Amino acid sequence: MRVDSFVQLFSAAKCLASRYRPVGRRLAIVTNGGGPGVLAADWVSQIRLELGSLTDEQAAALRPQVPALAALSDLIDISEEATPEQYRAAVLAAAQARQIDGILAIYSPKYGMDGGAVAMALADLKPTLGKPLLTCWMGDASVTDARSIFSEAAIPTFRTPEAAVGAFGNIASFYRNQQLL
């Protein structure tokens, strides 16, 4: 795997140390904030990955489990009202979708929401996923506990959507290189 910076080196090492098995190039984005989700999707396109999305049938099955304001086409934007259980349902739906190779969960802190509880819900889910799960918990002091939960669960977590997408790109590149060998 070739990287162009120390940031990419550490991101690649973080993902490879998590022992994710090789995957394809289709990354689903589950987010509670449209802005960070769109930034991540733009970066997916920029580095020549593919945005993984739910089929109409998969979105219809998920719809009753997420807030009414959720947008489930392309990005899986479960809205700022999303609870830990709703994050869990959305990540599980993406994990069960054959057309998705990996999942990026993005959390933007919102007043009254518990980012640590969302992190715990995803950490508990990780052993059953079978696909790479990466996270981007935006913020600093308000998400420290969540980052500790992810570290203990060996789930790579990043401070920006672009760094997380780049890390998935490293996993996809590793997969491609293994296929070429």
Protein backbone atom coordinates (compact mmCIF):
# COMPACT_ATOMS: atom_id res chain seq x y z
CA MET A 1 0.00 0.00 0.00
CA ARG A 2 1.35 3.40 -0.96
CA VAL A 3 0.58 6.55 1.00
CA ASP A 4 1.47 10.19 0.38
CA SER A 5 1.62 11.57 3.93
CA PHE A 6 2.09 10.66 7.56
CA VAL A 7 -1.63 11.25 8.14
CA GLN A 8 -2.41 8.63 5.50
CA LEU A 9 0.22 6.31 6.97
CA PHE A 10 -1.35 6.42 10.42
CA SER A 11 -4.85 6.06 9.00
CA ALA A 12 -3.81 3.02 6.99
CA ALA A 13 -2.08 1.47 9.98
CA LYS A 14 -5.16 2.08 12.16
CA CYS A 15 -7.42 0.30 9.67
CA LEU A 16 -5.09 -2.58 8.94
CA ALA A 17 -4.46 -3.10 12.66
CA SER A 18 -8.21 -3.49 13.10
CA ARG A 19 -7.88 -6.71 11.08
CA TYR A 20 -10.64 -6.00 8.65
CA ARG A 21 -10.65 -8.51 5.88
CA PRO A 22 -10.23 -7.17 2.37
CA VAL A 23 -13.29 -5.54 0.83
CA GLY A 24 -14.42 -3.77 -2.31
CA ARG A 25 -14.78 -0.04 -3.01
CA ARG A 26 -18.41 0.68 -2.04
CA LEU A 27 -18.70 2.72 1.15
CA ALA A 28 -22.07 3.47 2.77
CA ILE A 29 -22.32 6.60 4.90
CA VAL A 30 -24.64 6.66 7.92
CA THR A 31 -24.89 10.14 9.42
CA ASN A 32 -26.98 12.33 11.68
CA GLY A 33 -25.75 15.48 9.93
CA GLY A 34 -26.27 16.23 6.25
CA GLY A 35 -23.25 18.52 5.91
CA PRO A 36 -20.59 16.08 7.13
CA GLY A 37 -22.30 13.30 5.18
CA VAL A 38 -22.17 15.29 1.94
CA LEU A 39 -18.50 16.13 2.57
CA ALA A 40 -17.77 12.43 3.02
CA ALA A 41 -19.72 11.52 -0.13
CA ASP A 42 -17.83 14.16 -2.12
CA TRP A 43 -14.54 12.73 -0.91
CA VAL A 44 -15.70 9.21 -1.87
CA SER A 45 -16.09 10.48 -5.42
CA GLN A 46 -12.87 12.49 -5.33
CA ILE A 47 -10.70 9.48 -4.47
CA ARG A 48 -12.51 7.22 -6.91
CA LEU A 49 -14.43 5.03 -4.53
CA GLU A 50 -18.15 4.29 -4.90
CA LEU A 51 -20.91 5.48 -2.60
CA GLY A 52 -22.71 2.41 -1.32
CA SER A 53 -26.45 2.86 -0.89
CA LEU A 54 -29.47 0.85 0.09
CA THR A 55 -31.84 -0.54 -2.52
CA ASP A 56 -35.42 0.73 -2.52
CA GLU A 57 -36.51 -2.47 -0.77
CA GLN A 58 -33.79 -2.19 1.89
CA ALA A 59 -34.65 1.47 2.50
CA ALA A 60 -38.35 0.59 2.84
CA ALA A 61 -37.51 -2.09 5.43
CA LEU A 62 -35.37 0.40 7.40
CA ARG A 63 -37.86 3.30 7.19
CA PRO A 64 -40.02 2.29 10.24
CA GLN A 65 -36.88 2.01 12.41
CA VAL A 66 -35.53 5.54 11.84
CA PRO A 67 -36.86 9.08 12.40
CA ALA A 68 -39.47 10.38 9.97
CA LEU A 69 -37.01 13.00 8.65
CA ALA A 70 -34.43 10.37 7.62
CA ALA A 71 -33.27 10.38 3.99
CA LEU A 72 -32.31 6.88 2.87
CA SER A 73 -31.34 7.30 -0.78
CA ASP A 74 -27.61 7.60 -1.50
CA LEU A 75 -26.49 8.81 1.94
CA ILE A 76 -28.19 7.18 4.91
CA ASP A 77 -28.98 10.43 6.72
CA ILE A 78 -30.93 9.36 9.79
CA SER A 79 -31.38 12.99 10.93
CA GLU A 80 -30.23 14.84 14.00
CA GLU A 81 -32.96 13.16 16.06
CA ALA A 82 -31.41 9.69 15.68
CA THR A 83 -31.13 7.61 18.84
CA PRO A 84 -28.47 4.95 19.49
CA GLU A 85 -30.98 2.26 18.49
CA GLN A 86 -31.71 4.05 15.21
CA TYR A 87 -27.99 4.35 14.45
CA ARG A 88 -27.67 0.65 15.18
CA ALA A 89 -30.58 -0.21 12.85
CA ALA A 90 -29.12 1.88 10.02
CA VAL A 91 -25.63 0.41 10.36
CA LEU A 92 -27.06 -3.10 10.52
CA ALA A 93 -29.12 -2.48 7.37
CA ALA A 94 -25.99 -1.31 5.55
CA ALA A 95 -24.03 -4.31 6.85
CA GLN A 96 -26.64 -6.71 5.51
CA ALA A 97 -26.69 -5.10 2.05
CA ARG A 98 -24.65 -7.14 -0.42
CA GLN A 99 -23.97 -4.05 -2.58
CA ILE A 100 -22.13 -2.33 0.30
CA ASP A 101 -18.54 -3.21 1.22
CA GLY A 102 -17.93 -0.97 4.22
CA ILE A 103 -19.69 1.51 6.48
CA LEU A 104 -18.74 4.94 7.74
CA ALA A 105 -20.83 6.15 10.70
CA ILE A 106 -20.61 9.92 11.22
CA TYR A 107 -21.85 11.60 14.39
CA SER A 108 -22.30 15.35 14.74
CA PRO A 109 -22.90 16.33 18.37
CA LYS A 110 -26.38 17.67 19.01
CA TYR A 111 -27.78 19.15 22.19
CA GLY A 112 -29.37 16.44 24.31
CA MET A 113 -27.86 13.53 22.35
CA ASP A 114 -25.37 11.11 23.88
CA GLY A 115 -22.54 10.33 21.47
CA GLY A 116 -21.13 7.80 23.94
CA ALA A 117 -24.37 5.82 23.93
CA VAL A 118 -24.36 5.79 20.11
CA ALA A 119 -20.73 4.63 20.17
CA MET A 120 -21.59 1.83 22.61
CA ALA A 121 -24.48 0.68 20.39
CA LEU A 122 -22.12 0.42 17.41
CA ALA A 123 -19.30 -1.19 19.41
CA ASP A 124 -21.75 -3.88 20.61
CA LEU A 125 -22.79 -4.47 16.99
CA LYS A 126 -19.27 -4.74 15.53
CA PRO A 127 -18.66 -8.48 16.11
CA THR A 128 -21.71 -9.34 13.99
CA LEU A 129 -21.07 -7.01 11.04
CA GLY A 130 -18.65 -8.91 8.81
CA LYS A 131 -17.74 -5.64 7.05
CA PRO A 132 -15.42 -2.79 7.95
CA LEU A 133 -16.99 -0.19 10.21
CA LEU A 134 -15.23 3.16 10.48
CA THR A 135 -16.42 6.12 12.49
CA CYS A 136 -16.09 9.87 12.50
CA TRP A 137 -17.22 11.45 15.77
CA MET A 138 -16.95 15.16 15.17
CA GLY A 139 -16.00 17.48 17.97
CA ASP A 140 -13.42 17.37 20.71
CA ALA A 141 -14.16 17.14 24.44
CA SER A 142 -17.79 16.17 23.88
CA VAL A 143 -16.83 12.96 22.04
CA THR A 144 -13.79 11.83 24.05
CA ASP A 145 -15.71 9.00 25.73
CA ALA A 146 -17.00 7.75 22.38
CA ARG A 147 -13.50 7.67 20.93
CA SER A 148 -12.34 5.60 23.93
CA ILE A 149 -15.20 3.15 23.35
CA PHE A 150 -14.19 2.77 19.70
CA SER A 151 -10.54 2.31 20.62
CA GLU A 152 -11.41 -0.50 23.05
CA ALA A 153 -13.59 -2.15 20.41
CA ALA A 154 -10.87 -1.85 17.71
CA ILE A 155 -13.11 0.33 15.55
CA PRO A 156 -11.09 2.95 13.66
CA THR A 157 -12.34 6.44 14.43
CA PHE A 158 -11.40 9.73 12.82
CA ARG A 159 -11.92 13.42 13.50
CA THR A 160 -12.96 14.38 9.96
CA PRO A 161 -15.11 12.71 7.30
CA GLU A 162 -12.32 13.06 4.72
CA ALA A 163 -9.82 11.20 6.90
CA ALA A 164 -12.29 8.38 7.48
CA VAL A 165 -13.11 8.03 3.78
CA GLY A 166 -9.38 8.12 2.98
CA ALA A 167 -8.81 5.30 5.46
CA PHE A 168 -11.49 3.21 3.76
CA GLY A 169 -9.73 3.99 0.48
CA ASN A 170 -6.61 2.43 2.03
CA ILE A 171 -8.55 -0.75 2.83
CA ALA A 172 -9.95 -0.83 -0.71
CA SER A 173 -6.48 -0.28 -2.15
CA PHE A 174 -5.11 -3.11 -0.03
CA TYR A 175 -7.88 -5.36 -1.36
CA ARG A 176 -7.13 -4.36 -4.95
CA ASN A 177 -3.41 -5.00 -4.46
CA GLN A 178 -4.11 -8.42 -2.93
CA GLN A 179 -6.29 -9.29 -5.94
CA LEU A 180 -3.52 -8.23 -8.32
CA LEU A 181 -1.01 -10.44 -6.51
